[in-house]
Amino acid sequence: MSAGSLRRVPTVLAIDVGNTSTSFALVRGKRVVRPSRLPSCESSPAQIRAALQTVAGKESVQSVVAASVVPSAVAPWTNAVRRVLGLGVHWVSHRSPLGVPISYPQPKSIGADRLANVAGAVARYGAPVVVADFGTALTFDIVGQTEGYRGGIIAPGLPLMFGYLADRTALLPRIGPGPVRGVVGRSTEQAMRIGATLGYRGMIREIFEALREEIDDPALTFVVTGGDARWVVRQLRMEIVLDPYLTLFGLARIGELLQRS
């Protein structure tokens, strides 16, 4: 590919506003460049603008595509993008082009980040495909060869499993994932980590196996993304594709489809 053709690849700023953190990056074709992260609800407008300036640099950004599960974050990010880049933001919804049909009965209720995952997964891996996104919540989204997006499963994410124990008990500490040795805890912290690790791993494996039986297609691909995806892949002995920036790539894919429409 010549230098001239490389310059013609559009640059999209992709923004994924999650419950805990907001990820954003430039996407050129299949490449996710300069990924960054901010707290979703604790960042000031000035911090958002500074972060955007750092990521965008002197790049010529053609479009901005975003997904949000935090309604209060939409206005600050929209305003920051307008001030820094002079562009509007396409906020993904069920009306956005995904490159795959939706057979789900209530498409308006599907989270924008899940729609981005579907768009990215189908573009990269085809169908059938299952995308598991390991964030504050754990979501599974299923795309069939003919029916397109069918629906999914929502379960507690790993942070919720640890956080709930601390929030709902008087004496259990607030901890996060960590190394586990053996299956018998020799301290409260060890016992909690073992319980979360074995329980979480078992839940994921059970869901994956149930979906494999339900879809019953040897071409089925399991893709995992999200903050805890790498930890999950290390824990499971299954054929799984790890794609850490799938949501951002999917947002850029939607932007590409918007340009074509």
C-alpha atoms as a PDB file:
ATOM      1  CA  MET A   1       0.000   0.000   0.000  1.00  0.00           C
ATOM      2  CA  SER A   2       1.412   3.386  -1.005  1.00  0.00           C
ATOM      3  CA  ALA A   3       1.893   6.353   1.309  1.00  0.00           C
ATOM      4  CA  GLY A   4      -0.853   8.170  -0.585  1.00  0.00           C
ATOM      5  CA  SER A   5      -3.396   5.412   0.015  1.00  0.00           C
ATOM      6  CA  LEU A   6      -2.467   5.286   3.688  1.00  0.00           C
ATOM      7  CA  ARG A   7      -3.273   8.979   4.002  1.00  0.00           C
ATOM      8  CA  ARG A   8      -6.713   8.341   2.545  1.00  0.00           C
ATOM      9  CA  VAL A   9      -7.731   5.987   5.357  1.00  0.00           C
ATOM     10  CA  PRO A  10     -10.196   8.046   7.448  1.00  0.00           C
ATOM     11  CA  THR A  11      -9.393   8.642  11.098  1.00  0.00           C
ATOM     12  CA  VAL A  12     -12.289   8.182  13.502  1.00  0.00           C
ATOM     13  CA  LEU A  13     -12.324   9.189  17.145  1.00  0.00           C
ATOM     14  CA  ALA A  14     -14.164   6.404  18.995  1.00  0.00           C
ATOM     15  CA  ILE A  15     -15.502   7.019  22.518  1.00  0.00           C
ATOM     16  CA  ASP A  16     -16.996   4.347  24.774  1.00  0.00           C
ATOM     17  CA  VAL A  17     -18.577   5.760  27.938  1.00  0.00           C
ATOM     18  CA  GLY A  18     -18.995   2.928  30.441  1.00  0.00           C
ATOM     19  CA  ASN A  19     -20.392   2.890  33.956  1.00  0.00           C
ATOM     20  CA  THR A  20     -16.946   3.003  35.540  1.00  0.00           C
ATOM     21  CA  SER A  21     -14.597   4.425  32.918  1.00  0.00           C
ATOM     22  CA  THR A  22     -14.584   5.968  29.454  1.00  0.00           C
ATOM     23  CA  SER A  23     -12.267   4.567  26.794  1.00  0.00           C
ATOM     24  CA  PHE A  24     -11.390   6.500  23.669  1.00  0.00           C
ATOM     25  CA  ALA A  25      -8.915   6.235  20.824  1.00  0.00           C
ATOM     26  CA  LEU A  26      -8.261   7.053  17.209  1.00  0.00           C
ATOM     27  CA  VAL A  27      -9.144   4.285  14.773  1.00  0.00           C
ATOM     28  CA  ARG A  28      -7.651   4.081  11.287  1.00  0.00           C
ATOM     29  CA  GLY A  29      -8.993   1.151   9.340  1.00  0.00           C
ATOM     30  CA  LYS A  30      -8.273  -1.863  11.549  1.00  0.00           C
ATOM     31  CA  ARG A  31      -5.786  -0.065  13.801  1.00  0.00           C
ATOM     32  CA  VAL A  32      -6.714   1.362  17.195  1.00  0.00           C
ATOM     33  CA  VAL A  33      -4.238   4.136  18.006  1.00  0.00           C
ATOM     34  CA  ARG A  34      -3.464   5.942  21.292  1.00  0.00           C
ATOM     35  CA  PRO A  35      -6.113   4.283  23.473  1.00  0.00           C
ATOM     36  CA  SER A  36      -6.779   6.215  26.651  1.00  0.00           C
ATOM     37  CA  ARG A  37      -9.144   6.100  29.620  1.00  0.00           C
ATOM     38  CA  LEU A  38     -10.830   8.473  32.074  1.00  0.00           C
ATOM     39  CA  PRO A  39     -13.288   7.961  34.945  1.00  0.00           C
ATOM     40  CA  SER A  40     -16.791   8.298  33.501  1.00  0.00           C
ATOM     41  CA  CYS A  41     -18.434  10.396  36.215  1.00  0.00           C
ATOM     42  CA  GLU A  42     -15.497  12.076  37.946  1.00  0.00           C
ATOM     43  CA  SER A  43     -13.744  13.871  35.089  1.00  0.00           C
ATOM     44  CA  SER A  44     -14.177  17.630  34.717  1.00  0.00           C
ATOM     45  CA  PRO A  45     -14.824  19.253  31.322  1.00  0.00           C
ATOM     46  CA  ALA A  46     -11.259  20.603  31.395  1.00  0.00           C
ATOM     47  CA  GLN A  47      -9.853  17.111  31.995  1.00  0.00           C
ATOM     48  CA  ILE A  48     -11.917  15.702  29.132  1.00  0.00           C
ATOM     49  CA  ARG A  49     -10.720  18.426  26.754  1.00  0.00           C
ATOM     50  CA  ALA A  50      -7.086  17.910  27.777  1.00  0.00           C
ATOM     51  CA  ALA A  51      -7.352  14.157  27.257  1.00  0.00           C
ATOM     52  CA  LEU A  52      -8.920  14.629  23.820  1.00  0.00           C
ATOM     53  CA  GLN A  53      -6.163  17.030  22.808  1.00  0.00           C
ATOM     54  CA  THR A  54      -3.543  14.482  23.863  1.00  0.00           C
ATOM     55  CA  VAL A  55      -5.166  11.635  21.924  1.00  0.00           C
ATOM     56  CA  ALA A  56      -6.036  13.627  18.822  1.00  0.00           C
ATOM     57  CA  GLY A  57      -2.746  15.537  18.701  1.00  0.00           C
ATOM     58  CA  LYS A  58      -2.290  17.067  15.245  1.00  0.00           C
ATOM     59  CA  GLU A  59      -4.291  14.326  13.544  1.00  0.00           C
ATOM     60  CA  SER A  60      -7.011  15.195  11.072  1.00  0.00           C
ATOM     61  CA  VAL A  61     -10.046  13.483  12.572  1.00  0.00           C
ATOM     62  CA  GLN A  62     -12.851  13.003  10.048  1.00  0.00           C
ATOM     63  CA  SER A  63     -15.644  11.876  12.383  1.00  0.00           C
ATOM     64  CA  VAL A  64     -16.495  11.050  15.984  1.00  0.00           C
ATOM     65  CA  VAL A  65     -18.629   8.052  16.971  1.00  0.00           C
ATOM     66  CA  ALA A  66     -19.530   7.321  20.582  1.00  0.00           C
ATOM     67  CA  ALA A  67     -21.489   4.924  22.764  1.00  0.00           C
ATOM     68  CA  SER A  68     -22.717   5.699  26.256  1.00  0.00           C
ATOM     69  CA  VAL A  69     -24.501   3.837  29.036  1.00  0.00           C
ATOM     70  CA  VAL A  70     -24.252   6.955  31.241  1.00  0.00           C
ATOM     71  CA  PRO A  71     -26.759   9.589  30.022  1.00  0.00           C
ATOM     72  CA  SER A  72     -25.240  12.378  32.123  1.00  0.00           C
ATOM     73  CA  ALA A  73     -21.893  11.967  30.328  1.00  0.00           C
ATOM     74  CA  VAL A  74     -23.261  12.660  26.839  1.00  0.00           C
ATOM     75  CA  ALA A  75     -23.350  16.467  27.071  1.00  0.00           C
ATOM     76  CA  PRO A  76     -19.832  16.940  28.561  1.00  0.00           C
ATOM     77  CA  TRP A  77     -18.228  14.734  25.910  1.00  0.00           C
ATOM     78  CA  THR A  78     -20.244  16.284  23.080  1.00  0.00           C
ATOM     79  CA  ASN A  79     -19.224  19.776  24.188  1.00  0.00           C
ATOM     80  CA  ALA A  80     -15.576  18.795  24.617  1.00  0.00           C
ATOM     81  CA  VAL A  81     -15.396  17.247  21.146  1.00  0.00           C
ATOM     82  CA  ARG A  82     -16.952  20.344  19.614  1.00  0.00           C
ATOM     83  CA  ARG A  83     -14.479  22.642  21.371  1.00  0.00           C
ATOM     84  CA  VAL A  84     -11.364  20.552  20.700  1.00  0.00           C
ATOM     85  CA  LEU A  85     -12.090  19.167  17.227  1.00  0.00           C
ATOM     86  CA  GLY A  86     -14.915  21.316  15.899  1.00  0.00           C
ATOM     87  CA  LEU A  87     -16.955  18.198  15.131  1.00  0.00           C
ATOM     88  CA  GLY A  88     -20.292  16.761  16.141  1.00  0.00           C
ATOM     89  CA  VAL A  89     -20.690  13.322  17.689  1.00  0.00           C
ATOM     90  CA  HIS A  90     -22.769  10.434  16.369  1.00  0.00           C
ATOM     91  CA  TRP A  91     -24.122   8.723  19.479  1.00  0.00           C
ATOM     92  CA  VAL A  92     -24.847   5.111  18.580  1.00  0.00           C
ATOM     93  CA  SER A  93     -28.384   3.781  18.860  1.00  0.00           C
ATOM     94  CA  HIS A  94     -30.375   0.901  17.394  1.00  0.00           C
ATOM     95  CA  ARG A  95     -30.922   3.090  14.326  1.00  0.00           C
ATOM     96  CA  SER A  96     -27.200   3.277  13.590  1.00  0.00           C
ATOM     97  CA  PRO A  97     -25.908   1.078  10.740  1.00  0.00           C
ATOM     98  CA  LEU A  98     -24.238  -2.048  12.140  1.00  0.00           C
ATOM     99  CA  GLY A  99     -23.608  -4.121   9.038  1.00  0.00           C
ATOM    100  CA  VAL A 100     -25.879  -6.819  10.472  1.00  0.00           C
ATOM    101  CA  PRO A 101     -29.674  -7.027  10.894  1.00  0.00           C
ATOM    102  CA  ILE A 102     -31.339  -6.972  14.321  1.00  0.00           C
ATOM    103  CA  SER A 103     -33.962  -9.628  15.059  1.00  0.00           C
ATOM    104  CA  TYR A 104     -34.187  -8.710  18.748  1.00  0.00           C
ATOM    105  CA  PRO A 105     -37.800  -7.797  19.670  1.00  0.00           C
ATOM    106  CA  GLN A 106     -36.957  -4.492  21.401  1.00  0.00           C
ATOM    107  CA  PRO A 107     -33.887  -3.046  19.661  1.00  0.00           C
ATOM    108  CA  LYS A 108     -34.268   0.329  21.386  1.00  0.00           C
ATOM    109  CA  SER A 109     -33.335  -1.300  24.704  1.00  0.00           C
ATOM    110  CA  ILE A 110     -29.972  -2.657  23.500  1.00  0.00           C
ATOM    111  CA  GLY A 111     -26.988  -0.832  25.015  1.00  0.00           C
ATOM    112  CA  ALA A 112     -24.979   1.245  22.555  1.00  0.00           C
ATOM    113  CA  ASP A 113     -21.736  -0.438  23.602  1.00  0.00           C
ATOM    114  CA  ARG A 114     -23.257  -3.831  22.831  1.00  0.00           C
ATOM    115  CA  LEU A 115     -24.311  -2.628  19.388  1.00  0.00           C
ATOM    116  CA  ALA A 116     -20.737  -1.472  18.781  1.00  0.00           C
ATOM    117  CA  ASN A 117     -19.419  -4.874  19.876  1.00  0.00           C
ATOM    118  CA  VAL A 118     -21.748  -6.598  17.429  1.00  0.00           C
ATOM    119  CA  ALA A 119     -20.703  -4.319  14.561  1.00  0.00           C
ATOM    120  CA  GLY A 120     -17.016  -4.837  15.290  1.00  0.00           C
ATOM    121  CA  ALA A 121     -17.247  -8.592  15.825  1.00  0.00           C
ATOM    122  CA  VAL A 122     -19.146  -9.260  12.597  1.00  0.00           C
ATOM    123  CA  ALA A 123     -16.721  -7.074  10.616  1.00  0.00           C
ATOM    124  CA  ARG A 124     -13.690  -8.901  12.033  1.00  0.00           C
ATOM    125  CA  TYR A 125     -14.874 -12.465  12.590  1.00  0.00           C
ATOM    126  CA  GLY A 126     -18.110 -12.945  10.682  1.00  0.00           C
ATOM    127  CA  ALA A 127     -21.106 -14.861  12.038  1.00  0.00           C
ATOM    128  CA  PRO A 128     -22.071 -16.796  14.054  1.00  0.00           C
ATOM    129  CA  VAL A 129     -20.247 -15.040  16.842  1.00  0.00           C
ATOM    130  CA  VAL A 130     -20.666 -14.515  20.579  1.00  0.00           C
ATOM    131  CA  VAL A 131     -19.147 -11.396  22.145  1.00  0.00           C
ATOM    132  CA  ALA A 132     -18.545 -11.341  25.892  1.00  0.00           C
ATOM    133  CA  ASP A 133     -17.740  -7.903  27.296  1.00  0.00           C
ATOM    134  CA  PHE A 134     -16.176  -8.004  30.754  1.00  0.00           C
ATOM    135  CA  GLY A 135     -16.876  -4.650  32.372  1.00  0.00           C
ATOM    136  CA  THR A 136     -18.848  -3.511  35.402  1.00  0.00           C
ATOM    137  CA  ALA A 137     -21.543  -5.814  34.043  1.00  0.00           C
ATOM    138  CA  LEU A 138     -20.761  -8.950  32.033  1.00  0.00           C
ATOM    139  CA  THR A 139     -22.681  -9.041  28.762  1.00  0.00           C
ATOM    140  CA  PHE A 140     -22.930 -11.744  26.121  1.00  0.00           C
ATOM    141  CA  ASP A 141     -24.261 -10.833  22.676  1.00  0.00           C
ATOM    142  CA  ILE A 142     -25.175 -13.434  20.069  1.00  0.00           C
ATOM    143  CA  VAL A 143     -25.163 -12.943  16.301  1.00  0.00           C
ATOM    144  CA  GLY A 144     -26.460 -15.664  13.987  1.00  0.00           C
ATOM    145  CA  GLN A 145     -25.669 -16.200  10.322  1.00  0.00           C
ATOM    146  CA  THR A 146     -29.175 -15.444   9.062  1.00  0.00           C
ATOM    147  CA  GLU A 147     -31.080 -13.694  11.870  1.00  0.00           C
ATOM    148  CA  GLY A 148     -28.308 -11.265  12.780  1.00  0.00           C
ATOM    149  CA  TYR A 149     -28.342  -9.938  16.331  1.00  0.00           C
ATOM    150  CA  ARG A 150     -30.539 -12.315  18.345  1.00  0.00           C
ATOM    151  CA  GLY A 151     -30.143 -11.109  21.911  1.00  0.00           C
ATOM    152  CA  GLY A 152     -27.880 -11.816  24.813  1.00  0.00           C
ATOM    153  CA  ILE A 153     -27.196 -12.483  28.458  1.00  0.00           C
ATOM    154  CA  ILE A 154     -26.360 -10.048  31.262  1.00  0.00           C
ATOM    155  CA  ALA A 155     -24.561 -11.156  34.428  1.00  0.00           C
ATOM    156  CA  PRO A 156     -22.628  -9.423  37.233  1.00  0.00           C
ATOM    157  CA  GLY A 157     -19.140  -8.319  36.293  1.00  0.00           C
ATOM    158  CA  LEU A 158     -16.114  -9.179  38.386  1.00  0.00           C
ATOM    159  CA  PRO A 159     -16.004  -5.724  40.086  1.00  0.00           C
ATOM    160  CA  LEU A 160     -19.615  -6.180  41.187  1.00  0.00           C
ATOM    161  CA  MET A 161     -18.885  -9.581  42.685  1.00  0.00           C
ATOM    162  CA  PHE A 162     -16.158  -8.142  44.902  1.00  0.00           C
ATOM    163  CA  GLY A 163     -17.942  -4.858  45.562  1.00  0.00           C
ATOM    164  CA  TYR A 164     -21.237  -6.452  46.578  1.00  0.00           C
ATOM    165  CA  LEU A 165     -19.582  -8.507  49.305  1.00  0.00           C
ATOM    166  CA  ALA A 166     -17.987  -5.407  50.806  1.00  0.00           C
ATOM    167  CA  ASP A 167     -21.128  -3.269  50.436  1.00  0.00           C
ATOM    168  CA  ARG A 168     -23.543  -5.788  51.914  1.00  0.00           C
ATOM    169  CA  THR A 169     -21.505  -7.104  54.832  1.00  0.00           C
ATOM    170  CA  ALA A 170     -20.113  -5.377  57.900  1.00  0.00           C
ATOM    171  CA  LEU A 171     -16.688  -6.987  58.132  1.00  0.00           C
ATOM    172  CA  LEU A 172     -15.631  -8.180  54.682  1.00  0.00           C
ATOM    173  CA  PRO A 173     -13.017  -5.885  53.069  1.00  0.00           C
ATOM    174  CA  ARG A 174     -13.148  -4.305  49.619  1.00  0.00           C
ATOM    175  CA  ILE A 175     -10.631  -6.117  47.409  1.00  0.00           C
ATOM    176  CA  GLY A 176     -10.091  -6.791  43.712  1.00  0.00           C
ATOM    177  CA  PRO A 177      -8.875  -9.690  41.562  1.00  0.00           C
ATOM    178  CA  GLY A 178      -5.529 -11.162  42.477  1.00  0.00           C
ATOM    179  CA  PRO A 179      -3.491 -14.356  42.368  1.00  0.00           C
ATOM    180  CA  VAL A 180      -5.128 -17.451  43.819  1.00  0.00           C
ATOM    181  CA  ARG A 181      -3.227 -20.442  45.179  1.00  0.00           C
ATOM    182  CA  GLY A 182      -5.185 -23.558  46.046  1.00  0.00           C
ATOM    183  CA  VAL A 183      -8.871 -23.816  46.784  1.00  0.00           C
ATOM    184  CA  VAL A 184      -8.871 -23.251  50.555  1.00  0.00           C
ATOM    185  CA  GLY A 185      -8.423 -19.689  51.755  1.00  0.00           C
ATOM    186  CA  ARG A 186      -6.070 -19.114  54.669  1.00  0.00           C
ATOM    187  CA  SER A 187      -7.299 -15.550  55.204  1.00  0.00           C
ATOM    188  CA  THR A 188     -10.496 -13.618  54.574  1.00  0.00           C
ATOM    189  CA  GLU A 189      -8.985 -11.979  51.503  1.00  0.00           C
ATOM    190  CA  GLN A 190      -7.836 -15.336  50.095  1.00  0.00           C
ATOM    191  CA  ALA A 191     -11.229 -16.886  50.749  1.00  0.00           C
ATOM    192  CA  MET A 192     -12.971 -14.058  48.918  1.00  0.00           C
ATOM    193  CA  ARG A 193     -10.625 -14.211  45.934  1.00  0.00           C
ATOM    194  CA  ILE A 194     -10.975 -17.984  45.650  1.00  0.00           C
ATOM    195  CA  GLY A 195     -14.747 -17.738  45.832  1.00  0.00           C
ATOM    196  CA  ALA A 196     -14.889 -15.012  43.194  1.00  0.00           C
ATOM    197  CA  THR A 197     -12.350 -16.684  40.914  1.00  0.00           C
ATOM    198  CA  LEU A 198     -13.890 -20.154  40.960  1.00  0.00           C
ATOM    199  CA  GLY A 199     -17.456 -18.874  40.928  1.00  0.00           C
ATOM    200  CA  TYR A 200     -16.855 -16.370  38.118  1.00  0.00           C
ATOM    201  CA  ARG A 201     -14.903 -18.854  36.043  1.00  0.00           C
ATOM    202  CA  GLY A 202     -17.594 -21.486  36.494  1.00  0.00           C
ATOM    203  CA  MET A 203     -20.358 -19.033  35.554  1.00  0.00           C
ATOM    204  CA  ILE A 204     -18.575 -17.993  32.354  1.00  0.00           C
ATOM    205  CA  ARG A 205     -17.812 -21.561  31.322  1.00  0.00           C
ATOM    206  CA  GLU A 206     -21.403 -22.615  31.950  1.00  0.00           C
ATOM    207  CA  ILE A 207     -22.763 -19.739  29.847  1.00  0.00           C
ATOM    208  CA  PHE A 208     -20.318 -20.413  27.011  1.00  0.00           C
ATOM    209  CA  GLU A 209     -21.197 -24.120  26.956  1.00  0.00           C
ATOM    210  CA  ALA A 210     -24.935 -23.400  27.007  1.00  0.00           C
ATOM    211  CA  LEU A 211     -24.519 -21.003  24.077  1.00  0.00           C
ATOM    212  CA  ARG A 212     -22.432 -23.542  22.172  1.00  0.00           C
ATOM    213  CA  GLU A 213     -25.222 -26.097  22.547  1.00  0.00           C
ATOM    214  CA  GLU A 214     -27.888 -23.543  21.632  1.00  0.00           C
ATOM    215  CA  ILE A 215     -26.163 -22.322  18.468  1.00  0.00           C
ATOM    216  CA  ASP A 216     -24.706 -25.726  17.488  1.00  0.00           C
ATOM    217  CA  ASP A 217     -22.487 -24.456  14.669  1.00  0.00           C
ATOM    218  CA  PRO A 218     -18.825 -25.509  14.319  1.00  0.00           C
ATOM    219  CA  ALA A 219     -18.043 -22.079  12.845  1.00  0.00           C
ATOM    220  CA  LEU A 220     -19.088 -20.315  16.067  1.00  0.00           C
ATOM    221  CA  THR A 221     -16.459 -17.884  17.382  1.00  0.00           C
ATOM    222  CA  PHE A 222     -16.243 -16.687  20.989  1.00  0.00           C
ATOM    223  CA  VAL A 223     -14.731 -13.206  21.335  1.00  0.00           C
ATOM    224  CA  VAL A 224     -13.995 -11.503  24.659  1.00  0.00           C
ATOM    225  CA  THR A 225     -13.309  -7.831  25.317  1.00  0.00           C
ATOM    226  CA  GLY A 226     -13.445  -5.363  28.192  1.00  0.00           C
ATOM    227  CA  GLY A 227     -11.319  -4.540  31.203  1.00  0.00           C
ATOM    228  CA  ASP A 228     -11.241  -8.015  32.755  1.00  0.00           C
ATOM    229  CA  ALA A 229     -11.107  -9.993  29.498  1.00  0.00           C
ATOM    230  CA  ARG A 230      -7.385 -10.788  29.686  1.00  0.00           C
ATOM    231  CA  TRP A 231      -7.778 -12.120  33.230  1.00  0.00           C
ATOM    232  CA  VAL A 232     -10.676 -14.307  32.077  1.00  0.00           C
ATOM    233  CA  VAL A 233      -8.760 -15.777  29.149  1.00  0.00           C
ATOM    234  CA  ARG A 234      -5.957 -16.800  31.490  1.00  0.00           C
ATOM    235  CA  GLN A 235      -8.458 -18.550  33.754  1.00  0.00           C
ATOM    236  CA  LEU A 236     -10.393 -20.498  31.113  1.00  0.00           C
ATOM    237  CA  ARG A 237      -9.064 -23.352  29.037  1.00  0.00           C
ATOM    238  CA  MET A 238     -11.221 -22.681  26.017  1.00  0.00           C
ATOM    239  CA  GLU A 239     -10.726 -21.523  22.450  1.00  0.00           C
ATOM    240  CA  ILE A 240     -11.440 -17.811  22.853  1.00  0.00           C
ATOM    241  CA  VAL A 241     -10.366 -14.768  20.825  1.00  0.00           C
ATOM    242  CA  LEU A 242      -9.134 -11.869  22.946  1.00  0.00           C
ATOM    243  CA  ASP A 243      -9.881  -8.481  21.329  1.00  0.00           C
ATOM    244  CA  PRO A 244      -9.277  -5.737  23.931  1.00  0.00           C
ATOM    245  CA  TYR A 245     -10.350  -2.831  21.711  1.00  0.00           C
ATOM    246  CA  LEU A 246     -13.304  -4.447  19.958  1.00  0.00           C
ATOM    247  CA  THR A 247     -15.819  -1.830  21.165  1.00  0.00           C
ATOM    248  CA  LEU A 248     -13.710   1.069  19.860  1.00  0.00           C
ATOM    249  CA  PHE A 249     -13.156  -0.711  16.554  1.00  0.00           C
ATOM    250  CA  GLY A 250     -16.891  -1.393  16.334  1.00  0.00           C
ATOM    251  CA  LEU A 251     -17.668   2.289  16.863  1.00  0.00           C
ATOM    252  CA  ALA A 252     -15.336   3.206  14.027  1.00  0.00           C
ATOM    253  CA  ARG A 253     -16.957   0.529  11.877  1.00  0.00           C
ATOM    254  CA  ILE A 254     -20.328   2.202  12.478  1.00  0.00           C
ATOM    255  CA  GLY A 255     -18.743   5.497  11.460  1.00  0.00           C
ATOM    256  CA  GLU A 256     -17.516   3.902   8.233  1.00  0.00           C
ATOM    257  CA  LEU A 257     -21.009   2.581   7.488  1.00  0.00           C
ATOM    258  CA  LEU A 258     -22.472   6.031   8.193  1.00  0.00           C
ATOM    259  CA  GLN A 259     -20.163   7.534   5.579  1.00  0.00           C
ATOM    260  CA  ARG A 260     -21.403   5.008   3.024  1.00  0.00           C
ATOM    261  CA  SER A 261     -25.107   5.587   3.708  1.00  0.00           C
END
